[in-house]
Amino acid sequence: MTVIIETENFDQLVKNIEKLTNEVKLLKNKSICENWLSLHDTCKFLNVSKTSLLNYRNKGLLTFSQIESKIYFRYSDLEAFLLKHQIKAFKK
């Protein structure tokens, strides 16, 4: 089967594919970045001090990644940490 397409239409198609490819790359990178929180953002998220966060790390309660002096926490690990320490409501 042979398809004939005008050069102008083909060029527009290529531009649209390139645009979509770039948008997918941006979304992928954005998704990766949104899954990790900095030390500062983690403190704000958990509403704790840097010292408390350091204690959680030292006790092995929170998993983290470190690149040189920068520390990052995965959002899913923070969520699991909160769920693990969740206290069920009780009746009086």
Protein backbone atom coordinates (compact mmCIF):
# COMPACT_ATOMS: atom_id res chain seq x y z
CA MET A 1 0.00 0.00 0.00
CA THR A 2 1.40 3.36 -0.97
CA VAL A 3 0.41 6.63 0.67
CA ILE A 4 1.05 9.89 -1.05
CA ILE A 5 1.29 13.00 1.10
CA GLU A 6 2.19 16.52 0.14
CA THR A 7 5.51 17.83 1.42
CA GLU A 8 3.82 20.61 3.40
CA ASN A 9 1.54 18.13 5.18
CA PHE A 10 4.42 15.77 5.85
CA ASP A 11 6.50 18.58 7.36
CA GLN A 12 3.58 19.57 9.59
CA LEU A 13 3.17 15.95 10.67
CA VAL A 14 6.87 15.72 11.58
CA LYS A 15 6.64 18.99 13.57
CA ASN A 16 3.61 17.69 15.47
CA ILE A 17 5.38 14.42 16.29
CA GLU A 18 8.46 16.31 17.52
CA LYS A 19 6.26 18.57 19.65
CA LEU A 20 4.49 15.57 21.20
CA THR A 21 7.81 13.85 21.84
CA ASN A 22 9.13 16.92 23.67
CA GLU A 23 5.95 17.20 25.74
CA VAL A 24 6.19 13.54 26.76
CA LYS A 25 9.83 14.06 27.81
CA LEU A 26 8.85 17.09 29.89
CA LEU A 27 6.02 15.20 31.56
CA LYS A 28 8.30 12.28 32.31
CA ASN A 29 10.92 14.55 33.90
CA LYS A 30 8.25 16.46 35.81
CA SER A 31 6.84 13.19 37.13
CA ILE A 32 10.26 12.09 38.37
CA CYS A 33 10.87 15.43 40.07
CA GLU A 34 7.46 15.45 41.72
CA ASN A 35 8.12 12.06 43.30
CA TRP A 36 11.13 13.32 45.27
CA LEU A 37 11.20 16.01 47.96
CA SER A 38 14.17 17.98 49.22
CA LEU A 39 15.08 18.10 52.90
CA HIS A 40 13.38 21.48 53.24
CA ASP A 41 10.21 20.36 51.45
CA THR A 42 10.09 17.16 53.50
CA CYS A 43 10.28 19.15 56.74
CA LYS A 44 7.42 21.31 55.54
CA PHE A 45 5.41 18.29 54.38
CA LEU A 46 5.78 16.45 57.71
CA ASN A 47 5.69 19.69 59.73
CA VAL A 48 8.84 18.74 61.62
CA SER A 49 12.21 20.36 62.25
CA LYS A 50 15.42 19.36 60.47
CA THR A 51 16.57 17.82 63.75
CA SER A 52 13.48 15.60 63.98
CA LEU A 53 13.95 14.55 60.37
CA LEU A 54 17.60 13.73 61.09
CA ASN A 55 16.48 11.60 64.04
CA TYR A 56 14.00 9.72 61.83
CA ARG A 57 16.80 9.06 59.34
CA ASN A 58 19.28 7.96 62.00
CA LYS A 59 16.73 5.59 63.54
CA GLY A 60 16.10 4.08 60.11
CA LEU A 61 12.49 5.21 60.08
CA LEU A 62 12.80 7.08 56.78
CA THR A 63 14.61 5.98 53.66
CA PHE A 64 16.45 8.72 51.78
CA SER A 65 18.83 9.32 48.91
CA GLN A 66 21.91 11.49 49.15
CA ILE A 67 23.84 13.15 46.36
CA GLU A 68 26.86 14.87 47.87
CA SER A 69 25.34 17.16 50.52
CA LYS A 70 21.81 17.11 49.09
CA ILE A 71 19.25 14.79 50.65
CA TYR A 72 16.03 13.68 49.00
CA PHE A 73 13.03 11.72 50.21
CA ARG A 74 10.63 9.80 48.02
CA TYR A 75 7.05 10.95 48.44
CA SER A 76 5.79 7.36 48.51
CA ASP A 77 8.19 6.58 51.41
CA LEU A 78 6.85 9.57 53.36
CA GLU A 79 3.30 8.46 52.71
CA ALA A 80 4.14 4.93 53.91
CA PHE A 81 5.82 6.40 57.00
CA LEU A 82 2.67 8.37 57.85
CA LEU A 83 0.42 5.38 57.27
CA LYS A 84 2.65 3.16 59.42
CA HIS A 85 2.33 5.62 62.31
CA GLN A 86 -1.38 6.20 61.84
CA ILE A 87 -3.46 5.83 64.97
CA LYS A 88 -6.94 4.42 64.52
CA ALA A 89 -9.85 6.31 66.02
CA PHE A 90 -11.32 4.73 69.11
CA LYS A 91 -14.65 4.99 70.91
CA LYS A 92 -14.96 6.41 74.38
